[in-house]
Amino acid sequence: MERDKIGRKHEDIALRYLEEKGLTLRSRNYHWRQGEIDLIMQDGKVIVFVEVRFRRSARFGGAGASIDIRKQHRLLMTAERYLQSLKAEHAARMDVITVDGDNINWIKNAFGH
């Protein structure tokens, strides 16, 4: 399966999972020159930026370990750009959904900002 199709499949899994938890979709694959955010969700009054990571297994650190400091910085800069485009203050957080094989893990406020 092509990399894009695999990514889309796991984004779909994450989206369904978050919708089952009560979040609603605001945007998908938001692009800015500094990066991309897979899913932008609404959780009550909080805008949630979601990075979806997949690995076939948890060997070698799993999906979560694949988000290095440079990737975190790009995600945070892209999220900031999205918030600026709204022209109003909003509470926000950055979450990560990891899919390791058949296991889904939701890490809220993943980068502590």
PDB file of N, CA and C in Angstrom:
ATOM      1  N   MET A   1       0.851  -1.187   0.000  1.00  0.00           N
ATOM      2  CA  MET A   1       0.000   0.000   0.000  1.00  0.00           C
ATOM      3  C   MET A   1       0.889   1.241   0.000  1.00  0.00           C
ATOM      4  N   GLU A   2       0.526   2.223  -0.786  1.00  0.00           N
ATOM      5  CA  GLU A   2       1.301   3.454  -0.850  1.00  0.00           C
ATOM      6  C   GLU A   2       1.323   4.150   0.505  1.00  0.00           C
ATOM      7  N   ARG A   3       2.400   4.878   0.745  1.00  0.00           N
ATOM      8  CA  ARG A   3       2.562   5.584   2.017  1.00  0.00           C
ATOM      9  C   ARG A   3       1.397   6.531   2.300  1.00  0.00           C
ATOM     10  N   ASP A   4       0.948   7.291   1.270  1.00  0.00           N
ATOM     11  CA  ASP A   4      -0.173   8.224   1.460  1.00  0.00           C
ATOM     12  C   ASP A   4      -1.453   7.494   1.844  1.00  0.00           C
ATOM     13  N   LYS A   5      -1.701   6.353   1.218  1.00  0.00           N
ATOM     14  CA  LYS A   5      -2.904   5.577   1.532  1.00  0.00           C
ATOM     15  C   LYS A   5      -2.831   5.008   2.943  1.00  0.00           C
ATOM     16  N   ILE A   6      -1.651   4.577   3.341  1.00  0.00           N
ATOM     17  CA  ILE A   6      -1.471   4.062   4.704  1.00  0.00           C
ATOM     18  C   ILE A   6      -1.712   5.181   5.707  1.00  0.00           C
ATOM     19  N   GLY A   7      -1.135   6.354   5.429  1.00  0.00           N
ATOM     20  CA  GLY A   7      -1.337   7.500   6.308  1.00  0.00           C
ATOM     21  C   GLY A   7      -2.796   7.883   6.408  1.00  0.00           C
ATOM     22  N   ARG A   8      -3.475   7.930   5.278  1.00  0.00           N
ATOM     23  CA  ARG A   8      -4.906   8.291   5.255  1.00  0.00           C
ATOM     24  C   ARG A   8      -5.728   7.274   6.046  1.00  0.00           C
ATOM     25  N   LYS A   9      -5.402   6.010   5.886  1.00  0.00           N
ATOM     26  CA  LYS A   9      -6.124   4.949   6.600  1.00  0.00           C
ATOM     27  C   LYS A   9      -6.012   5.153   8.113  1.00  0.00           C
ATOM     28  N   HIS A  10      -4.818   5.453   8.597  1.00  0.00           N
ATOM     29  CA  HIS A  10      -4.617   5.615  10.038  1.00  0.00           C
ATOM     30  C   HIS A  10      -5.172   6.945  10.549  1.00  0.00           C
ATOM     31  N   GLU A  11      -5.184   7.964   9.688  1.00  0.00           N
ATOM     32  CA  GLU A  11      -5.879   9.204  10.052  1.00  0.00           C
ATOM     33  C   GLU A  11      -7.374   8.938  10.193  1.00  0.00           C
ATOM     34  N   ASP A  12      -7.937   8.124   9.299  1.00  0.00           N
ATOM     35  CA  ASP A  12      -9.353   7.758   9.393  1.00  0.00           C
ATOM     36  C   ASP A  12      -9.641   7.027  10.704  1.00  0.00           C
ATOM     37  N   ILE A  13      -8.747   6.101  11.084  1.00  0.00           N
ATOM     38  CA  ILE A  13      -8.901   5.365  12.337  1.00  0.00           C
ATOM     39  C   ILE A  13      -8.878   6.340  13.511  1.00  0.00           C
ATOM     40  N   ALA A  14      -7.914   7.263  13.503  1.00  0.00           N
ATOM     41  CA  ALA A  14      -7.800   8.249  14.584  1.00  0.00           C
ATOM     42  C   ALA A  14      -9.022   9.153  14.627  1.00  0.00           C
ATOM     43  N   LEU A  15      -9.492   9.586  13.465  1.00  0.00           N
ATOM     44  CA  LEU A  15     -10.659  10.463  13.398  1.00  0.00           C
ATOM     45  C   LEU A  15     -11.878   9.774  13.997  1.00  0.00           C
ATOM     46  N   ARG A  16     -12.144   8.544  13.595  1.00  0.00           N
ATOM     47  CA  ARG A  16     -13.287   7.800  14.154  1.00  0.00           C
ATOM     48  C   ARG A  16     -13.141   7.635  15.666  1.00  0.00           C
ATOM     49  N   TYR A  17     -11.942   7.322  16.114  1.00  0.00           N
ATOM     50  CA  TYR A  17     -11.677   7.153  17.546  1.00  0.00           C
ATOM     51  C   TYR A  17     -12.002   8.437  18.303  1.00  0.00           C
ATOM     52  N   LEU A  18     -11.515   9.573  17.815  1.00  0.00           N
ATOM     53  CA  LEU A  18     -11.751  10.848  18.497  1.00  0.00           C
ATOM     54  C   LEU A  18     -13.221  11.262  18.434  1.00  0.00           C
ATOM     55  N   GLU A  19     -13.872  11.002  17.310  1.00  0.00           N
ATOM     56  CA  GLU A  19     -15.303  11.307  17.221  1.00  0.00           C
ATOM     57  C   GLU A  19     -16.104  10.466  18.208  1.00  0.00           C
ATOM     58  N   GLU A  20     -15.700   9.206  18.402  1.00  0.00           N
ATOM     59  CA  GLU A  20     -16.357   8.353  19.399  1.00  0.00           C
ATOM     60  C   GLU A  20     -16.166   8.899  20.812  1.00  0.00           C
ATOM     61  N   LYS A  21     -15.077   9.639  21.024  1.00  0.00           N
ATOM     62  CA  LYS A  21     -14.792  10.245  22.329  1.00  0.00           C
ATOM     63  C   LYS A  21     -15.460  11.614  22.478  1.00  0.00           C
ATOM     64  N   GLY A  22     -16.214  12.057  21.462  1.00  0.00           N
ATOM     65  CA  GLY A  22     -16.974  13.286  21.558  1.00  0.00           C
ATOM     66  C   GLY A  22     -16.374  14.506  20.885  1.00  0.00           C
ATOM     67  N   LEU A  23     -15.219  14.383  20.226  1.00  0.00           N
ATOM     68  CA  LEU A  23     -14.617  15.501  19.519  1.00  0.00           C
ATOM     69  C   LEU A  23     -15.244  15.634  18.131  1.00  0.00           C
ATOM     70  N   THR A  24     -15.205  16.838  17.572  1.00  0.00           N
ATOM     71  CA  THR A  24     -15.714  17.048  16.221  1.00  0.00           C
ATOM     72  C   THR A  24     -14.598  17.591  15.332  1.00  0.00           C
ATOM     73  N   LEU A  25     -14.653  17.245  14.074  1.00  0.00           N
ATOM     74  CA  LEU A  25     -13.622  17.643  13.113  1.00  0.00           C
ATOM     75  C   LEU A  25     -13.820  19.089  12.683  1.00  0.00           C
ATOM     76  N   ARG A  26     -12.740  19.867  12.742  1.00  0.00           N
ATOM     77  CA  ARG A  26     -12.722  21.242  12.210  1.00  0.00           C
ATOM     78  C   ARG A  26     -12.026  21.279  10.859  1.00  0.00           C
ATOM     79  N   SER A  27     -10.907  20.543  10.737  1.00  0.00           N
ATOM     80  CA  SER A  27     -10.111  20.568   9.515  1.00  0.00           C
ATOM     81  C   SER A  27      -9.251  19.312   9.455  1.00  0.00           C
ATOM     82  N   ARG A  28      -8.882  18.963   8.235  1.00  0.00           N
ATOM     83  CA  ARG A  28      -8.034  17.783   8.033  1.00  0.00           C
ATOM     84  C   ARG A  28      -6.888  18.160   7.116  1.00  0.00           C
ATOM     85  N   ASN A  29      -5.687  17.708   7.451  1.00  0.00           N
ATOM     86  CA  ASN A  29      -4.482  17.952   6.650  1.00  0.00           C
ATOM     87  C   ASN A  29      -4.288  19.444   6.382  1.00  0.00           C
ATOM     88  N   TYR A  30      -4.293  20.221   7.448  1.00  0.00           N
ATOM     89  CA  TYR A  30      -4.066  21.661   7.358  1.00  0.00           C
ATOM     90  C   TYR A  30      -2.602  21.904   7.005  1.00  0.00           C
ATOM     91  N   HIS A  31      -2.375  22.621   5.901  1.00  0.00           N
ATOM     92  CA  HIS A  31      -1.016  22.891   5.412  1.00  0.00           C
ATOM     93  C   HIS A  31      -0.640  24.347   5.608  1.00  0.00           C
ATOM     94  N   TRP A  32       0.594  24.542   5.923  1.00  0.00           N
ATOM     95  CA  TRP A  32       1.234  25.846   5.955  1.00  0.00           C
ATOM     96  C   TRP A  32       2.665  25.599   5.526  1.00  0.00           C
ATOM     97  N   ARG A  33       3.370  26.602   5.114  1.00  0.00           N
ATOM     98  CA  ARG A  33       4.723  26.386   4.567  1.00  0.00           C
ATOM     99  C   ARG A  33       5.660  25.711   5.561  1.00  0.00           C
ATOM    100  N   GLN A  34       5.410  25.862   6.851  1.00  0.00           N
ATOM    101  CA  GLN A  34       6.255  25.244   7.872  1.00  0.00           C
ATOM    102  C   GLN A  34       5.887  23.792   8.167  1.00  0.00           C
ATOM    103  N   GLY A  35       4.697  23.375   7.770  1.00  0.00           N
ATOM    104  CA  GLY A  35       4.327  22.005   8.088  1.00  0.00           C
ATOM    105  C   GLY A  35       2.868  21.696   7.834  1.00  0.00           C
ATOM    106  N   GLU A  36       2.438  20.587   8.404  1.00  0.00           N
ATOM    107  CA  GLU A  36       1.075  20.097   8.232  1.00  0.00           C
ATOM    108  C   GLU A  36       0.596  19.517   9.551  1.00  0.00           C
ATOM    109  N   ILE A  37      -0.703  19.682   9.802  1.00  0.00           N
ATOM    110  CA  ILE A  37      -1.332  19.051  10.955  1.00  0.00           C
ATOM    111  C   ILE A  37      -2.380  18.090  10.412  1.00  0.00           C
ATOM    112  N   ASP A  38      -2.335  16.852  10.885  1.00  0.00           N
ATOM    113  CA  ASP A  38      -3.212  15.813  10.353  1.00  0.00           C
ATOM    114  C   ASP A  38      -4.684  16.116  10.599  1.00  0.00           C
ATOM    115  N   LEU A  39      -5.038  16.378  11.863  1.00  0.00           N
ATOM    116  CA  LEU A  39      -6.429  16.628  12.217  1.00  0.00           C
ATOM    117  C   LEU A  39      -6.508  17.833  13.148  1.00  0.00           C
ATOM    118  N   ILE A  40      -7.506  18.665  12.928  1.00  0.00           N
ATOM    119  CA  ILE A  40      -7.807  19.730  13.875  1.00  0.00           C
ATOM    120  C   ILE A  40      -9.230  19.463  14.350  1.00  0.00           C
ATOM    121  N   MET A  41      -9.355  19.238  15.654  1.00  0.00           N
ATOM    122  CA  MET A  41     -10.618  18.827  16.241  1.00  0.00           C
ATOM    123  C   MET A  41     -11.103  19.878  17.235  1.00  0.00           C
ATOM    124  N   GLN A  42     -12.370  19.780  17.595  1.00  0.00           N
ATOM    125  CA  GLN A  42     -12.949  20.626  18.626  1.00  0.00           C
ATOM    126  C   GLN A  42     -13.336  19.719  19.782  1.00  0.00           C
ATOM    127  N   ASP A  43     -12.868  20.051  20.988  1.00  0.00           N
ATOM    128  CA  ASP A  43     -13.193  19.309  22.209  1.00  0.00           C
ATOM    129  C   ASP A  43     -13.796  20.312  23.186  1.00  0.00           C
ATOM    130  N   GLY A  44     -15.110  20.456  23.138  1.00  0.00           N
ATOM    131  CA  GLY A  44     -15.751  21.510  23.925  1.00  0.00           C
ATOM    132  C   GLY A  44     -15.318  22.852  23.382  1.00  0.00           C
ATOM    133  N   LYS A  45     -14.714  23.688  24.234  1.00  0.00           N
ATOM    134  CA  LYS A  45     -14.243  25.008  23.798  1.00  0.00           C
ATOM    135  C   LYS A  45     -12.775  24.995  23.380  1.00  0.00           C
ATOM    136  N   VAL A  46     -12.158  23.819  23.373  1.00  0.00           N
ATOM    137  CA  VAL A  46     -10.726  23.698  23.091  1.00  0.00           C
ATOM    138  C   VAL A  46     -10.500  23.192  21.666  1.00  0.00           C
ATOM    139  N   ILE A  47      -9.625  23.884  20.948  1.00  0.00           N
ATOM    140  CA  ILE A  47      -9.188  23.414  19.633  1.00  0.00           C
ATOM    141  C   ILE A  47      -8.038  22.434  19.879  1.00  0.00           C
ATOM    142  N   VAL A  48      -8.149  21.259  19.278  1.00  0.00           N
ATOM    143  CA  VAL A  48      -7.161  20.204  19.480  1.00  0.00           C
ATOM    144  C   VAL A  48      -6.460  19.902  18.160  1.00  0.00           C
ATOM    145  N   PHE A  49      -5.149  20.097  18.155  1.00  0.00           N
ATOM    146  CA  PHE A  49      -4.322  19.771  16.993  1.00  0.00           C
ATOM    147  C   PHE A  49      -3.811  18.351  17.208  1.00  0.00           C
ATOM    148  N   VAL A  50      -4.012  17.499  16.220  1.00  0.00           N
ATOM    149  CA  VAL A  50      -3.706  16.071  16.390  1.00  0.00           C
ATOM    150  C   VAL A  50      -2.698  15.615  15.350  1.00  0.00           C
ATOM    151  N   GLU A  51      -1.597  15.076  15.819  1.00  0.00           N
ATOM    152  CA  GLU A  51      -0.616  14.404  14.965  1.00  0.00           C
ATOM    153  C   GLU A  51      -0.890  12.910  15.074  1.00  0.00           C
ATOM    154  N   VAL A  52      -1.050  12.243  13.944  1.00  0.00           N
ATOM    155  CA  VAL A  52      -1.310  10.807  13.912  1.00  0.00           C
ATOM    156  C   VAL A  52      -0.033  10.108  13.471  1.00  0.00           C
ATOM    157  N   ARG A  53       0.418   9.143  14.271  1.00  0.00           N
ATOM    158  CA  ARG A  53       1.637   8.396  13.949  1.00  0.00           C
ATOM    159  C   ARG A  53       1.333   6.910  13.959  1.00  0.00           C
ATOM    160  N   PHE A  54       1.879   6.204  12.977  1.00  0.00           N
ATOM    161  CA  PHE A  54       1.654   4.771  12.841  1.00  0.00           C
ATOM    162  C   PHE A  54       2.978   4.025  12.720  1.00  0.00           C
ATOM    163  N   ARG A  55       3.047   2.906  13.370  1.00  0.00           N
ATOM    164  CA  ARG A  55       4.131   1.943  13.190  1.00  0.00           C
ATOM    165  C   ARG A  55       3.512   0.551  13.221  1.00  0.00           C
ATOM    166  N   ARG A  56       4.062  -0.342  12.436  1.00  0.00           N
ATOM    167  CA  ARG A  56       3.531  -1.707  12.404  1.00  0.00           C
ATOM    168  C   ARG A  56       3.679  -2.411  13.751  1.00  0.00           C
ATOM    169  N   SER A  57       4.696  -2.031  14.514  1.00  0.00           N
ATOM    170  CA  SER A  57       4.894  -2.611  15.848  1.00  0.00           C
ATOM    171  C   SER A  57       5.543  -1.562  16.743  1.00  0.00           C
ATOM    172  N   ALA A  58       5.570  -1.850  18.036  1.00  0.00           N
ATOM    173  CA  ALA A  58       6.163  -0.920  19.001  1.00  0.00           C
ATOM    174  C   ALA A  58       7.676  -1.120  19.138  1.00  0.00           C
ATOM    175  N   ARG A  59       8.252  -2.023  18.360  1.00  0.00           N
ATOM    176  CA  ARG A  59       9.706  -2.198  18.386  1.00  0.00           C
ATOM    177  C   ARG A  59      10.393  -0.904  18.000  1.00  0.00           C
ATOM    178  N   PHE A  60      11.559  -0.680  18.480  1.00  0.00           N
ATOM    179  CA  PHE A  60      12.348   0.513  18.174  1.00  0.00           C
ATOM    180  C   PHE A  60      11.669   1.796  18.661  1.00  0.00           C
ATOM    181  N   GLY A  61      10.890   1.702  19.734  1.00  0.00           N
ATOM    182  CA  GLY A  61      10.296   2.888  20.335  1.00  0.00           C
ATOM    183  C   GLY A  61       8.865   3.172  19.937  1.00  0.00           C
ATOM    184  N   GLY A  62       8.368   2.556  18.901  1.00  0.00           N
ATOM    185  CA  GLY A  62       6.984   2.753  18.515  1.00  0.00           C
ATOM    186  C   GLY A  62       6.725   4.079  17.827  1.00  0.00           C
ATOM    187  N   ALA A  63       5.460   4.326  17.571  1.00  0.00           N
ATOM    188  CA  ALA A  63       5.041   5.498  16.793  1.00  0.00           C
ATOM    189  C   ALA A  63       5.361   6.809  17.508  1.00  0.00           C
ATOM    190  N   GLY A  64       5.138   6.866  18.805  1.00  0.00           N
ATOM    191  CA  GLY A  64       5.368   8.103  19.552  1.00  0.00           C
ATOM    192  C   GLY A  64       6.810   8.564  19.516  1.00  0.00           C
ATOM    193  N   ALA A  65       7.727   7.621  19.485  1.00  0.00           N
ATOM    194  CA  ALA A  65       9.153   7.961  19.478  1.00  0.00           C
ATOM    195  C   ALA A  65       9.593   8.595  18.163  1.00  0.00           C
ATOM    196  N   SER A  66       8.730   8.544  17.156  1.00  0.00           N
ATOM    197  CA  SER A  66       9.102   9.090  15.848  1.00  0.00           C
ATOM    198  C   SER A  66       8.882  10.602  15.749  1.00  0.00           C
ATOM    199  N   ILE A  67       8.393  11.229  16.804  1.00  0.00           N
ATOM    200  CA  ILE A  67       8.156  12.674  16.783  1.00  0.00           C
ATOM    201  C   ILE A  67       9.332  13.362  17.480  1.00  0.00           C
ATOM    202  N   ASP A  68      10.314  13.745  16.684  1.00  0.00           N
ATOM    203  CA  ASP A  68      11.501  14.384  17.257  1.00  0.00           C
ATOM    204  C   ASP A  68      11.237  15.860  17.542  1.00  0.00           C
ATOM    205  N   ILE A  69      12.206  16.531  18.113  1.00  0.00           N
ATOM    206  CA  ILE A  69      12.046  17.924  18.521  1.00  0.00           C
ATOM    207  C   ILE A  69      11.782  18.841  17.321  1.00  0.00           C
ATOM    208  N   ARG A  70      12.402  18.557  16.173  1.00  0.00           N
ATOM    209  CA  ARG A  70      12.147  19.364  14.972  1.00  0.00           C
ATOM    210  C   ARG A  70      10.705  19.223  14.512  1.00  0.00           C
ATOM    211  N   LYS A  71      10.185  17.993  14.547  1.00  0.00           N
ATOM    212  CA  LYS A  71       8.789  17.744  14.155  1.00  0.00           C
ATOM    213  C   LYS A  71       7.851  18.457  15.130  1.00  0.00           C
ATOM    214  N   GLN A  72       8.152  18.394  16.421  1.00  0.00           N
ATOM    215  CA  GLN A  72       7.332  19.087  17.414  1.00  0.00           C
ATOM    216  C   GLN A  72       7.297  20.587  17.120  1.00  0.00           C
ATOM    217  N   HIS A  73       8.446  21.155  16.824  1.00  0.00           N
ATOM    218  CA  HIS A  73       8.532  22.588  16.540  1.00  0.00           C
ATOM    219  C   HIS A  73       7.680  22.953  15.314  1.00  0.00           C
ATOM    220  N   ARG A  74       7.772  22.159  14.248  1.00  0.00           N
ATOM    221  CA  ARG A  74       6.978  22.429  13.047  1.00  0.00           C
ATOM    222  C   ARG A  74       5.485  22.333  13.344  1.00  0.00           C
ATOM    223  N   LEU A  75       5.099  21.341  14.131  1.00  0.00           N
ATOM    224  CA  LEU A  75       3.686  21.197  14.488  1.00  0.00           C
ATOM    225  C   LEU A  75       3.192  22.395  15.291  1.00  0.00           C
ATOM    226  N   LEU A  76       3.987  22.816  16.258  1.00  0.00           N
ATOM    227  CA  LEU A  76       3.589  23.958  17.093  1.00  0.00           C
ATOM    228  C   LEU A  76       3.515  25.248  16.287  1.00  0.00           C
ATOM    229  N   MET A  77       4.457  25.458  15.369  1.00  0.00           N
ATOM    230  CA  MET A  77       4.433  26.648  14.513  1.00  0.00           C
ATOM    231  C   MET A  77       3.202  26.636  13.598  1.00  0.00           C
ATOM    232  N   THR A  78       2.863  25.482  13.063  1.00  0.00           N
ATOM    233  CA  THR A  78       1.709  25.359  12.186  1.00  0.00           C
ATOM    234  C   THR A  78       0.415  25.578  12.971  1.00  0.00           C
ATOM    235  N   ALA A  79       0.350  25.039  14.162  1.00  0.00           N
ATOM    236  CA  ALA A  79      -0.825  25.253  15.024  1.00  0.00           C
ATOM    237  C   ALA A  79      -0.982  26.734  15.352  1.00  0.00           C
ATOM    238  N   GLU A  80       0.121  27.401  15.656  1.00  0.00           N
ATOM    239  CA  GLU A  80       0.085  28.835  15.951  1.00  0.00           C
ATOM    240  C   GLU A  80      -0.442  29.614  14.751  1.00  0.00           C
ATOM    241  N   ARG A  81      -0.002  29.249  13.574  1.00  0.00           N
ATOM    242  CA  ARG A  81      -0.464  29.912  12.349  1.00  0.00           C
ATOM    243  C   ARG A  81      -1.972  29.729  12.184  1.00  0.00           C
ATOM    244  N   TYR A  82      -2.465  28.523  12.420  1.00  0.00           N
ATOM    245  CA  TYR A  82      -3.900  28.260  12.319  1.00  0.00           C
ATOM    246  C   TYR A  82      -4.670  29.136  13.304  1.00  0.00           C
ATOM    247  N   LEU A  83      -4.193  29.193  14.541  1.00  0.00           N
ATOM    248  CA  LEU A  83      -4.868  30.004  15.559  1.00  0.00           C
ATOM    249  C   LEU A  83      -4.866  31.482  15.174  1.00  0.00           C
ATOM    250  N   GLN A  84      -3.766  31.974  14.621  1.00  0.00           N
ATOM    251  CA  GLN A  84      -3.695  33.368  14.177  1.00  0.00           C
ATOM    252  C   GLN A  84      -4.713  33.644  13.068  1.00  0.00           C
ATOM    253  N   SER A  85      -4.950  32.673  12.231  1.00  0.00           N
ATOM    254  CA  SER A  85      -5.896  32.859  11.123  1.00  0.00           C
ATOM    255  C   SER A  85      -7.332  33.011  11.615  1.00  0.00           C
ATOM    256  N   LEU A  86      -7.606  32.561  12.832  1.00  0.00           N
ATOM    257  CA  LEU A  86      -8.959  32.664  13.381  1.00  0.00           C
ATOM    258  C   LEU A  86      -9.282  34.061  13.887  1.00  0.00           C
ATOM    259  N   LYS A  87      -8.245  34.865  14.129  1.00  0.00           N
ATOM    260  CA  LYS A  87      -8.391  36.253  14.568  1.00  0.00           C
ATOM    261  C   LYS A  87      -9.181  36.396  15.873  1.00  0.00           C
ATOM    262  N   ALA A  88      -9.129  35.383  16.694  1.00  0.00           N
ATOM    263  CA  ALA A  88      -9.741  35.423  18.030  1.00  0.00           C
ATOM    264  C   ALA A  88      -8.998  34.427  18.906  1.00  0.00           C
ATOM    265  N   GLU A  89      -8.977  34.682  20.193  1.00  0.00           N
ATOM    266  CA  GLU A  89      -8.279  33.766  21.103  1.00  0.00           C
ATOM    267  C   GLU A  89      -9.089  32.493  21.310  1.00  0.00           C
ATOM    268  N   HIS A  90      -8.377  31.390  21.340  1.00  0.00           N
ATOM    269  CA  HIS A  90      -8.988  30.086  21.588  1.00  0.00           C
ATOM    270  C   HIS A  90      -8.055  29.271  22.466  1.00  0.00           C
ATOM    271  N   ALA A  91      -8.643  28.525  23.386  1.00  0.00           N
ATOM    272  CA  ALA A  91      -7.857  27.545  24.130  1.00  0.00           C
ATOM    273  C   ALA A  91      -7.481  26.435  23.153  1.00  0.00           C
ATOM    274  N   ALA A  92      -6.261  25.933  23.278  1.00  0.00           N
ATOM    275  CA  ALA A  92      -5.806  24.909  22.339  1.00  0.00           C
ATOM    276  C   ALA A  92      -4.832  23.963  23.027  1.00  0.00           C
ATOM    277  N   ARG A  93      -4.695  22.780  22.439  1.00  0.00           N
ATOM    278  CA  ARG A  93      -3.681  21.833  22.893  1.00  0.00           C
ATOM    279  C   ARG A  93      -3.246  20.978  21.707  1.00  0.00           C
ATOM    280  N   MET A  94      -2.099  20.339  21.873  1.00  0.00           N
ATOM    281  CA  MET A  94      -1.535  19.473  20.840  1.00  0.00           C
ATOM    282  C   MET A  94      -1.575  18.043  21.371  1.00  0.00           C
ATOM    283  N   ASP A  95      -2.316  17.194  20.681  1.00  0.00           N
ATOM    284  CA  ASP A  95      -2.424  15.786  21.051  1.00  0.00           C
ATOM    285  C   ASP A  95      -1.733  14.923  20.002  1.00  0.00           C
ATOM    286  N   VAL A  96      -1.429  13.707  20.390  1.00  0.00           N
ATOM    287  CA  VAL A  96      -0.866  12.722  19.469  1.00  0.00           C
ATOM    288  C   VAL A  96      -1.693  11.455  19.585  1.00  0.00           C
ATOM    289  N   ILE A  97      -2.050  10.892  18.448  1.00  0.00           N
ATOM    290  CA  ILE A  97      -2.664   9.566  18.398  1.00  0.00           C
ATOM    291  C   ILE A  97      -1.612   8.646  17.801  1.00  0.00           C
ATOM    292  N   THR A  98      -1.227   7.624  18.553  1.00  0.00           N
ATOM    293  CA  THR A  98      -0.291   6.643  18.014  1.00  0.00           C
ATOM    294  C   THR A  98      -1.052   5.351  17.723  1.00  0.00           C
ATOM    295  N   VAL A  99      -0.698   4.751  16.617  1.00  0.00           N
ATOM    296  CA  VAL A  99      -1.253   3.461  16.240  1.00  0.00           C
ATOM    297  C   VAL A  99      -0.061   2.532  16.057  1.00  0.00           C
ATOM    298  N   ASP A 100       0.106   1.644  17.024  1.00  0.00           N
ATOM    299  CA  ASP A 100       1.172   0.637  16.972  1.00  0.00           C
ATOM    300  C   ASP A 100       0.494  -0.702  16.741  1.00  0.00           C
ATOM    301  N   GLY A 101       0.555  -1.186  15.497  1.00  0.00           N
ATOM    302  CA  GLY A 101      -0.172  -2.414  15.175  1.00  0.00           C
ATOM    303  C   GLY A 101      -1.656  -2.151  15.340  1.00  0.00           C
ATOM    304  N   ASP A 102      -2.303  -2.881  16.271  1.00  0.00           N
ATOM    305  CA  ASP A 102      -3.735  -2.708  16.522  1.00  0.00           C
ATOM    306  C   ASP A 102      -4.018  -1.838  17.745  1.00  0.00           C
ATOM    307  N   ASN A 103      -2.982  -1.322  18.394  1.00  0.00           N
ATOM    308  CA  ASN A 103      -3.154  -0.527  19.611  1.00  0.00           C
ATOM    309  C   ASN A 103      -3.226   0.963  19.287  1.00  0.00           C
ATOM    310  N   ILE A 104      -4.272   1.612  19.810  1.00  0.00           N
ATOM    311  CA  ILE A 104      -4.429   3.064  19.656  1.00  0.00           C
ATOM    312  C   ILE A 104      -4.176   3.704  21.009  1.00  0.00           C
ATOM    313  N   ASN A 105      -3.338   4.732  21.010  1.00  0.00           N
ATOM    314  CA  ASN A 105      -3.031   5.460  22.240  1.00  0.00           C
ATOM    315  C   ASN A 105      -3.235   6.951  21.985  1.00  0.00           C
ATOM    316  N   TRP A 106      -4.013   7.593  22.853  1.00  0.00           N
ATOM    317  CA  TRP A 106      -4.303   9.021  22.731  1.00  0.00           C
ATOM    318  C   TRP A 106      -3.516   9.748  23.811  1.00  0.00           C
ATOM    319  N   ILE A 107      -2.560  10.556  23.387  1.00  0.00           N
ATOM    320  CA  ILE A 107      -1.734  11.315  24.312  1.00  0.00           C
ATOM    321  C   ILE A 107      -2.188  12.772  24.261  1.00  0.00           C
ATOM    322  N   LYS A 108      -2.914  13.185  25.299  1.00  0.00           N
ATOM    323  CA  LYS A 108      -3.415  14.557  25.362  1.00  0.00           C
ATOM    324  C   LYS A 108      -2.304  15.488  25.803  1.00  0.00           C
ATOM    325  N   ASN A 109      -2.301  16.694  25.236  1.00  0.00           N
ATOM    326  CA  ASN A 109      -1.308  17.713  25.581  1.00  0.00           C
ATOM    327  C   ASN A 109       0.114  17.124  25.524  1.00  0.00           C
ATOM    328  N   ALA A 110       0.396  16.507  24.400  1.00  0.00           N
ATOM    329  CA  ALA A 110       1.603  15.699  24.227  1.00  0.00           C
ATOM    330  C   ALA A 110       2.907  16.447  24.423  1.00  0.00           C
ATOM    331  N   PHE A 111       2.939  17.731  24.099  1.00  0.00           N
ATOM    332  CA  PHE A 111       4.183  18.471  24.175  1.00  0.00           C
ATOM    333  C   PHE A 111       4.223  19.432  25.348  1.00  0.00           C
ATOM    334  N   GLY A 112       3.201  19.393  26.194  1.00  0.00           N
ATOM    335  CA  GLY A 112       3.185  20.188  27.413  1.00  0.00           C
ATOM    336  C   GLY A 112       3.076  21.677  27.213  1.00  0.00           C
ATOM    337  N   HIS A 113       2.567  22.135  26.081  1.00  0.00           N
ATOM    338  CA  HIS A 113       2.395  23.579  25.843  1.00  0.00           C
ATOM    339  C   HIS A 113       0.960  23.968  26.038  1.00  0.00           C
TER     340      HIS A 113
END
